[in-house]
N, C-alpha and C. Protein backbone atom coordinates (compact mmCIF):
# COMPACT_ATOMS: atom_id res chain seq x y z
N UNK A 1 38.55 48.16 27.82
CA UNK A 1 38.23 48.57 29.17
C UNK A 1 36.77 49.01 29.20
N UNK A 2 36.13 48.65 30.30
CA UNK A 2 34.74 49.08 30.35
C UNK A 2 34.66 50.52 30.83
N UNK A 3 33.50 51.08 30.72
CA UNK A 3 33.28 52.50 31.00
C UNK A 3 33.55 52.85 32.47
N UNK A 4 33.20 51.98 33.40
CA UNK A 4 33.40 52.25 34.83
C UNK A 4 34.90 52.34 35.15
N UNK A 5 35.70 51.45 34.59
CA UNK A 5 37.14 51.47 34.83
C UNK A 5 37.74 52.77 34.30
N UNK A 6 37.31 53.19 33.10
CA UNK A 6 37.81 54.44 32.53
C UNK A 6 37.46 55.62 33.44
N UNK A 7 36.24 55.65 33.94
CA UNK A 7 35.83 56.74 34.83
C UNK A 7 36.65 56.74 36.10
N UNK A 8 36.90 55.55 36.67
CA UNK A 8 37.73 55.46 37.88
C UNK A 8 39.15 55.95 37.63
N UNK A 9 39.71 55.58 36.49
CA UNK A 9 41.08 56.01 36.17
C UNK A 9 41.13 57.53 36.04
N UNK A 10 40.15 58.12 35.36
CA UNK A 10 40.09 59.57 35.21
C UNK A 10 39.92 60.23 36.57
N UNK A 11 39.06 59.67 37.42
CA UNK A 11 38.82 60.24 38.75
C UNK A 11 40.09 60.20 39.60
N UNK A 12 40.80 59.07 39.61
CA UNK A 12 42.03 58.94 40.39
C UNK A 12 43.09 59.90 39.86
N UNK A 13 43.25 59.97 38.53
CA UNK A 13 44.22 60.88 37.94
C UNK A 13 43.90 62.33 38.33
N UNK A 14 42.63 62.70 38.26
CA UNK A 14 42.22 64.06 38.61
C UNK A 14 42.51 64.36 40.07
N UNK A 15 42.24 63.38 40.94
CA UNK A 15 42.51 63.57 42.37
C UNK A 15 44.00 63.75 42.62
N UNK A 16 44.82 62.93 42.00
CA UNK A 16 46.27 63.03 42.18
C UNK A 16 46.77 64.39 41.70
N UNK A 17 46.30 64.86 40.57
CA UNK A 17 46.72 66.16 40.05
C UNK A 17 46.28 67.28 40.99
N UNK A 18 45.04 67.19 41.50
CA UNK A 18 44.54 68.20 42.43
C UNK A 18 45.36 68.20 43.71
N UNK A 19 45.61 67.00 44.27
CA UNK A 19 46.37 66.90 45.50
C UNK A 19 47.79 67.42 45.31
N UNK A 20 48.41 67.13 44.18
CA UNK A 20 49.77 67.61 43.91
C UNK A 20 49.81 69.12 43.85
N UNK A 21 48.83 69.73 43.20
CA UNK A 21 48.83 71.19 43.12
C UNK A 21 48.54 71.81 44.47
N UNK A 22 47.71 71.16 45.30
CA UNK A 22 47.41 71.67 46.64
C UNK A 22 48.67 71.65 47.50
N UNK A 23 49.46 70.57 47.40
CA UNK A 23 50.70 70.48 48.16
C UNK A 23 51.68 71.56 47.69
N UNK A 24 51.78 71.76 46.39
CA UNK A 24 52.68 72.79 45.87
C UNK A 24 52.24 74.16 46.35
N UNK A 25 50.92 74.43 46.35
CA UNK A 25 50.43 75.71 46.84
C UNK A 25 50.72 75.89 48.32
N UNK A 26 50.56 74.81 49.11
CA UNK A 26 50.80 74.90 50.55
C UNK A 26 52.27 75.18 50.82
N UNK A 27 53.15 74.51 50.08
CA UNK A 27 54.58 74.72 50.28
C UNK A 27 55.00 76.08 49.76
N UNK A 28 54.34 76.53 48.72
CA UNK A 28 54.65 77.83 48.15
C UNK A 28 56.01 77.84 47.49
N UNK A 29 56.36 78.98 46.97
CA UNK A 29 57.68 79.14 46.40
C UNK A 29 58.22 80.50 46.82
N UNK A 30 59.51 80.62 46.84
CA UNK A 30 60.12 81.87 47.27
C UNK A 30 59.79 82.97 46.27
N UNK A 31 59.43 84.12 46.77
CA UNK A 31 59.18 85.27 45.92
C UNK A 31 60.41 86.15 45.94
N UNK A 32 60.49 87.05 44.99
CA UNK A 32 61.65 87.93 44.94
C UNK A 32 61.71 88.85 46.15
N UNK A 33 60.56 89.08 46.79
CA UNK A 33 60.56 89.97 47.96
C UNK A 33 61.12 89.29 49.20
N UNK A 34 61.22 87.95 49.18
CA UNK A 34 61.80 87.24 50.31
C UNK A 34 63.31 87.22 50.16
N UNK A 35 63.99 87.53 51.23
CA UNK A 35 65.46 87.49 51.21
C UNK A 35 65.88 86.14 51.76
N UNK A 36 66.50 85.30 50.94
CA UNK A 36 66.89 83.98 51.45
C UNK A 36 67.97 84.08 52.51
N UNK A 37 67.87 83.20 53.48
CA UNK A 37 68.87 83.15 54.55
C UNK A 37 70.13 82.50 54.00
N UNK A 38 71.25 83.15 54.20
CA UNK A 38 72.52 82.61 53.71
C UNK A 38 73.45 82.25 54.85
N UNK A 39 73.01 82.46 56.09
CA UNK A 39 73.82 82.09 57.25
C UNK A 39 72.89 81.57 58.34
N UNK A 40 73.39 80.66 59.14
CA UNK A 40 72.63 80.14 60.26
C UNK A 40 72.84 80.96 61.53
N UNK A 41 73.84 81.85 61.53
CA UNK A 41 74.14 82.63 62.72
C UNK A 41 72.93 83.47 63.12
N UNK A 42 72.59 83.38 64.40
CA UNK A 42 71.45 84.11 64.93
C UNK A 42 70.63 83.22 65.85
N UNK A 43 69.50 83.73 66.29
CA UNK A 43 68.62 82.97 67.18
C UNK A 43 67.39 82.51 66.42
N UNK A 44 67.07 81.24 66.62
CA UNK A 44 65.94 80.60 65.96
C UNK A 44 64.98 80.08 67.03
N UNK A 45 63.70 80.11 66.76
CA UNK A 45 62.69 79.58 67.69
C UNK A 45 61.91 78.48 66.99
N UNK A 46 61.57 77.43 67.75
CA UNK A 46 60.73 76.40 67.15
C UNK A 46 59.28 76.61 67.58
N UNK A 47 58.42 75.72 67.13
CA UNK A 47 56.98 75.85 67.36
C UNK A 47 56.59 75.73 68.83
N UNK A 48 57.48 75.22 69.68
CA UNK A 48 57.19 75.07 71.11
C UNK A 48 57.84 76.16 71.95
N UNK A 49 58.60 77.05 71.30
CA UNK A 49 59.23 78.15 72.02
C UNK A 49 60.67 77.90 72.44
N UNK A 50 61.25 76.77 72.07
CA UNK A 50 62.66 76.52 72.38
C UNK A 50 63.52 77.42 71.50
N UNK A 51 64.70 77.78 72.00
CA UNK A 51 65.60 78.69 71.30
C UNK A 51 66.90 78.00 70.90
N UNK A 52 67.24 78.14 69.65
CA UNK A 52 68.49 77.65 69.08
C UNK A 52 69.29 78.88 68.71
N UNK A 53 70.45 79.06 69.34
CA UNK A 53 71.30 80.21 69.03
C UNK A 53 72.61 79.71 68.46
N UNK A 54 72.88 80.12 67.24
CA UNK A 54 74.13 79.75 66.57
C UNK A 54 75.01 81.00 66.56
N UNK A 55 76.13 80.91 67.27
CA UNK A 55 77.05 82.04 67.41
C UNK A 55 78.13 82.05 66.34
N UNK A 56 78.45 80.87 65.82
CA UNK A 56 79.57 80.78 64.91
C UNK A 56 79.26 79.77 63.80
N UNK A 57 79.57 80.16 62.59
CA UNK A 57 79.45 79.27 61.43
C UNK A 57 80.67 79.53 60.57
N UNK A 58 81.62 78.59 60.63
CA UNK A 58 82.88 78.80 59.93
C UNK A 58 83.40 77.48 59.40
N UNK A 59 83.74 77.45 58.12
CA UNK A 59 84.29 76.26 57.48
C UNK A 59 83.40 75.03 57.68
N UNK A 60 82.10 75.24 57.64
CA UNK A 60 81.16 74.13 57.78
C UNK A 60 80.87 73.70 59.20
N UNK A 61 81.50 74.35 60.18
CA UNK A 61 81.25 74.02 61.58
C UNK A 61 80.35 75.08 62.20
N UNK A 62 79.43 74.62 63.05
CA UNK A 62 78.58 75.57 63.77
C UNK A 62 78.70 75.30 65.27
N UNK A 63 78.49 76.36 66.05
CA UNK A 63 78.48 76.22 67.50
C UNK A 63 77.55 77.28 68.08
N UNK A 64 77.08 77.00 69.28
CA UNK A 64 76.18 77.93 69.95
C UNK A 64 75.59 77.26 71.17
N UNK A 65 74.30 77.52 71.41
CA UNK A 65 73.64 76.89 72.54
C UNK A 65 72.15 76.69 72.25
N UNK A 66 71.54 75.86 73.05
CA UNK A 66 70.13 75.52 72.91
C UNK A 66 69.46 75.68 74.27
N UNK A 67 68.30 76.29 74.27
CA UNK A 67 67.53 76.47 75.49
C UNK A 67 66.13 75.92 75.22
N UNK A 68 65.80 74.82 75.90
CA UNK A 68 64.53 74.16 75.65
C UNK A 68 63.39 74.82 76.42
N UNK A 69 62.23 74.84 75.79
CA UNK A 69 61.01 75.32 76.45
C UNK A 69 60.22 74.15 77.02
N UNK A 70 60.65 72.94 76.70
CA UNK A 70 59.98 71.73 77.19
C UNK A 70 61.02 70.80 77.76
N UNK A 71 60.68 70.14 78.84
CA UNK A 71 61.61 69.20 79.45
C UNK A 71 60.81 68.19 80.25
N UNK A 72 60.90 66.93 79.83
CA UNK A 72 60.21 65.87 80.56
C UNK A 72 60.83 65.76 81.95
N UNK A 73 60.03 65.93 82.95
CA UNK A 73 60.52 65.85 84.32
C UNK A 73 61.23 67.11 84.79
N UNK A 74 61.32 68.13 83.94
CA UNK A 74 61.93 69.39 84.34
C UNK A 74 63.44 69.36 84.50
N UNK A 75 64.09 68.38 83.93
CA UNK A 75 65.54 68.24 84.12
C UNK A 75 66.34 69.33 83.41
N UNK A 76 65.99 69.63 82.16
CA UNK A 76 66.81 70.52 81.34
C UNK A 76 66.55 71.98 81.68
N UNK A 77 67.49 72.58 82.42
CA UNK A 77 67.37 73.97 82.83
C UNK A 77 68.56 74.76 82.29
N UNK A 78 68.28 75.95 81.77
CA UNK A 78 69.35 76.81 81.30
C UNK A 78 69.71 76.55 79.85
N UNK A 79 70.89 77.03 79.48
CA UNK A 79 71.39 76.91 78.11
C UNK A 79 72.37 75.75 78.04
N UNK A 80 72.32 75.03 76.91
CA UNK A 80 73.18 73.86 76.70
C UNK A 80 74.02 74.08 75.45
N UNK A 81 75.33 73.82 75.53
CA UNK A 81 76.18 73.98 74.35
C UNK A 81 75.75 73.06 73.22
N UNK A 82 75.91 73.55 71.99
CA UNK A 82 75.66 72.71 70.82
C UNK A 82 76.81 72.85 69.84
N UNK A 83 77.04 71.79 69.11
CA UNK A 83 78.03 71.79 68.02
C UNK A 83 77.40 71.07 66.85
N UNK A 84 77.89 71.39 65.66
CA UNK A 84 77.34 70.73 64.49
C UNK A 84 78.12 71.04 63.24
N UNK A 85 77.53 70.60 62.13
CA UNK A 85 78.13 70.79 60.81
C UNK A 85 77.06 71.28 59.87
N UNK A 86 77.49 72.03 58.86
CA UNK A 86 76.56 72.49 57.84
C UNK A 86 77.23 72.53 56.48
N UNK A 87 76.43 72.29 55.49
CA UNK A 87 76.76 72.52 54.10
C UNK A 87 75.46 73.05 53.51
N UNK A 88 75.19 74.34 53.82
CA UNK A 88 73.88 74.90 53.49
C UNK A 88 73.42 74.47 52.11
N UNK A 89 72.18 74.02 52.04
CA UNK A 89 71.10 74.18 53.01
C UNK A 89 71.02 73.08 54.07
N UNK A 90 71.95 72.14 54.09
CA UNK A 90 71.89 71.02 55.02
C UNK A 90 72.56 71.37 56.34
N UNK A 91 72.01 70.85 57.45
CA UNK A 91 72.56 71.15 58.77
C UNK A 91 72.31 69.99 59.71
N UNK A 92 73.24 69.78 60.63
CA UNK A 92 73.08 68.80 61.70
C UNK A 92 73.78 69.30 62.94
N UNK A 93 73.17 69.10 64.10
CA UNK A 93 73.81 69.52 65.35
C UNK A 93 73.38 68.62 66.49
N UNK A 94 74.13 68.69 67.59
CA UNK A 94 73.90 67.82 68.74
C UNK A 94 73.97 68.63 70.03
N UNK A 95 73.12 68.24 70.99
CA UNK A 95 73.14 68.82 72.33
C UNK A 95 73.19 67.69 73.34
N UNK A 96 74.18 67.73 74.24
CA UNK A 96 74.22 66.84 75.39
C UNK A 96 73.59 67.61 76.54
N UNK A 97 72.56 67.04 77.15
CA UNK A 97 71.77 67.75 78.15
C UNK A 97 72.47 67.78 79.51
N UNK A 98 73.68 68.36 79.49
CA UNK A 98 74.48 68.54 80.70
C UNK A 98 75.04 69.95 80.68
N UNK A 99 74.82 70.67 81.78
CA UNK A 99 75.40 72.00 81.95
C UNK A 99 75.60 72.23 83.45
N UNK A 100 75.87 73.48 83.85
CA UNK A 100 76.11 73.77 85.27
C UNK A 100 74.87 73.59 86.13
N UNK A 101 73.67 73.57 85.53
CA UNK A 101 72.42 73.43 86.29
C UNK A 101 71.79 72.04 86.18
N UNK A 102 72.14 71.29 85.15
CA UNK A 102 71.43 70.04 84.86
C UNK A 102 72.38 68.94 84.41
N UNK A 103 72.00 67.73 84.76
CA UNK A 103 72.68 66.55 84.23
C UNK A 103 71.57 65.54 83.94
N UNK A 104 71.08 65.56 82.69
CA UNK A 104 69.86 64.82 82.34
C UNK A 104 70.10 63.43 81.77
N UNK A 105 71.35 63.01 81.60
CA UNK A 105 71.66 61.67 81.09
C UNK A 105 70.97 61.40 79.75
N UNK A 106 71.05 62.40 78.85
CA UNK A 106 70.44 62.25 77.53
C UNK A 106 71.16 63.15 76.53
N UNK A 107 70.91 62.86 75.26
CA UNK A 107 71.51 63.62 74.17
C UNK A 107 70.48 63.70 73.03
N UNK A 108 70.47 64.83 72.32
CA UNK A 108 69.57 64.99 71.17
C UNK A 108 70.38 65.43 69.97
N UNK A 109 70.05 64.85 68.82
CA UNK A 109 70.63 65.28 67.55
C UNK A 109 69.50 65.77 66.65
N UNK A 110 69.79 66.82 65.90
CA UNK A 110 68.86 67.35 64.90
C UNK A 110 69.54 67.26 63.55
N UNK A 111 68.79 66.89 62.54
CA UNK A 111 69.29 66.85 61.18
C UNK A 111 68.21 67.41 60.27
N UNK A 112 68.60 68.29 59.37
CA UNK A 112 67.57 68.86 58.50
C UNK A 112 68.15 69.78 57.46
N UNK A 113 67.28 70.66 56.97
CA UNK A 113 67.70 71.57 55.92
C UNK A 113 66.93 72.87 55.98
N UNK A 114 67.56 73.89 55.43
CA UNK A 114 66.95 75.20 55.33
C UNK A 114 66.01 75.18 54.14
N UNK A 115 64.74 75.43 54.38
CA UNK A 115 63.75 75.45 53.32
C UNK A 115 62.87 76.68 53.51
N UNK A 116 62.84 77.54 52.53
CA UNK A 116 62.00 78.74 52.55
C UNK A 116 62.16 79.52 53.85
N UNK A 117 63.42 79.76 54.19
CA UNK A 117 63.79 80.54 55.37
C UNK A 117 63.37 79.91 56.69
N UNK A 118 63.12 78.63 56.70
CA UNK A 118 62.85 77.88 57.93
C UNK A 118 63.82 76.71 57.99
N UNK A 119 64.22 76.36 59.20
CA UNK A 119 65.09 75.23 59.42
C UNK A 119 64.20 74.05 59.79
N UNK A 120 64.02 73.12 58.86
CA UNK A 120 63.12 71.98 59.02
C UNK A 120 63.97 70.78 59.43
N UNK A 121 63.72 70.26 60.64
CA UNK A 121 64.59 69.22 61.19
C UNK A 121 63.80 68.03 61.73
N UNK A 122 64.49 66.92 61.79
CA UNK A 122 64.03 65.74 62.51
C UNK A 122 65.02 65.51 63.64
N UNK A 123 64.51 65.16 64.82
CA UNK A 123 65.42 64.95 65.95
C UNK A 123 65.29 63.55 66.54
N UNK A 124 66.39 63.13 67.17
CA UNK A 124 66.45 61.89 67.94
C UNK A 124 66.90 62.25 69.35
N UNK A 125 66.09 61.93 70.34
CA UNK A 125 66.45 62.12 71.75
C UNK A 125 66.72 60.74 72.32
N UNK A 126 67.94 60.53 72.81
CA UNK A 126 68.29 59.25 73.40
C UNK A 126 68.56 59.44 74.89
N UNK A 127 67.89 58.62 75.68
CA UNK A 127 68.01 58.64 77.14
C UNK A 127 68.90 57.49 77.58
N UNK A 128 69.70 57.69 78.60
CA UNK A 128 70.49 56.61 79.16
C UNK A 128 69.56 55.60 79.83
N UNK A 129 69.74 54.33 79.54
CA UNK A 129 68.90 53.27 80.11
C UNK A 129 69.76 52.06 80.47
N UNK A 130 69.16 51.15 81.19
CA UNK A 130 69.78 49.84 81.40
C UNK A 130 69.48 49.01 80.15
N UNK A 131 70.31 48.00 79.84
CA UNK A 131 70.15 47.25 78.60
C UNK A 131 68.73 46.71 78.36
N UNK A 132 68.04 46.24 79.37
CA UNK A 132 66.71 45.67 79.12
C UNK A 132 65.69 46.72 78.67
N UNK A 133 66.01 48.02 78.87
CA UNK A 133 65.10 49.08 78.46
C UNK A 133 65.58 49.84 77.21
N UNK A 134 66.57 49.30 76.50
CA UNK A 134 67.06 49.96 75.29
C UNK A 134 65.94 50.20 74.27
N UNK A 135 64.96 49.35 74.24
CA UNK A 135 63.86 49.48 73.27
C UNK A 135 63.09 50.78 73.46
N UNK A 136 63.16 51.37 74.64
CA UNK A 136 62.42 52.61 74.89
C UNK A 136 63.34 53.81 75.12
N UNK A 137 64.58 53.71 74.65
CA UNK A 137 65.56 54.75 74.97
C UNK A 137 65.58 55.91 73.98
N UNK A 138 65.01 55.77 72.78
CA UNK A 138 65.14 56.82 71.77
C UNK A 138 63.78 57.27 71.26
N UNK A 139 63.61 58.59 71.24
CA UNK A 139 62.39 59.21 70.73
C UNK A 139 62.72 59.96 69.44
N UNK A 140 61.76 60.03 68.52
CA UNK A 140 61.94 60.70 67.24
C UNK A 140 60.79 61.68 67.04
N UNK A 141 61.10 62.88 66.55
CA UNK A 141 60.06 63.84 66.22
C UNK A 141 60.66 64.90 65.30
N UNK A 142 59.97 66.00 65.13
CA UNK A 142 60.46 67.04 64.23
C UNK A 142 60.32 68.41 64.89
N UNK A 143 61.12 69.34 64.43
CA UNK A 143 61.05 70.74 64.82
C UNK A 143 61.19 71.59 63.57
N UNK A 144 60.46 72.68 63.55
CA UNK A 144 60.63 73.68 62.50
C UNK A 144 61.03 74.97 63.19
N UNK A 145 62.22 75.46 62.87
CA UNK A 145 62.75 76.67 63.48
C UNK A 145 62.60 77.85 62.53
N UNK A 146 62.25 79.00 63.08
CA UNK A 146 62.15 80.24 62.33
C UNK A 146 63.14 81.24 62.92
N UNK A 147 63.90 81.89 62.07
CA UNK A 147 64.88 82.86 62.57
C UNK A 147 64.16 84.04 63.16
N UNK A 148 64.54 84.43 64.38
CA UNK A 148 63.79 85.46 65.11
C UNK A 148 63.74 86.79 64.41
N UNK A 149 64.79 87.18 63.74
CA UNK A 149 64.78 88.48 63.05
C UNK A 149 63.73 88.52 61.95
N UNK A 150 63.32 87.35 61.44
CA UNK A 150 62.30 87.30 60.40
C UNK A 150 60.90 87.32 60.98
N UNK A 151 60.76 87.05 62.29
CA UNK A 151 59.43 87.00 62.90
C UNK A 151 59.05 88.31 63.56
N UNK A 152 59.95 89.26 63.64
CA UNK A 152 59.66 90.53 64.31
C UNK A 152 59.23 91.58 63.33
């Protein structure tokens, strides 16, 4: 191997090692002073101010309600029932955007896991459409929820 190739290999290896350690530092690790969450029961807030309240967690089933802080077109008003399943640290739940105040013709599912006392999720929002518009019926994004008692 010539000298330039060796230098490039060393440079790439050094960059990968540096980037890996930076990611590990950013993610951090749990310290003994942090009390890990062992239940989902309680109120959680995401980065946009929406509230996830889990009232019951029993035998792997969860239930509660969701109150969104964002709503395209202003349709979703009030609290919406949610149901789901958990096998901590894994969790999944669903909200149908229908209640006594709203009928939004849509449903959202969240799937994720508890990581470092945060609920890190990916969601799918599906809107009712006519068949020719199915290609634009589902949106995907993420939410990170923090338990409110930990933020006060």
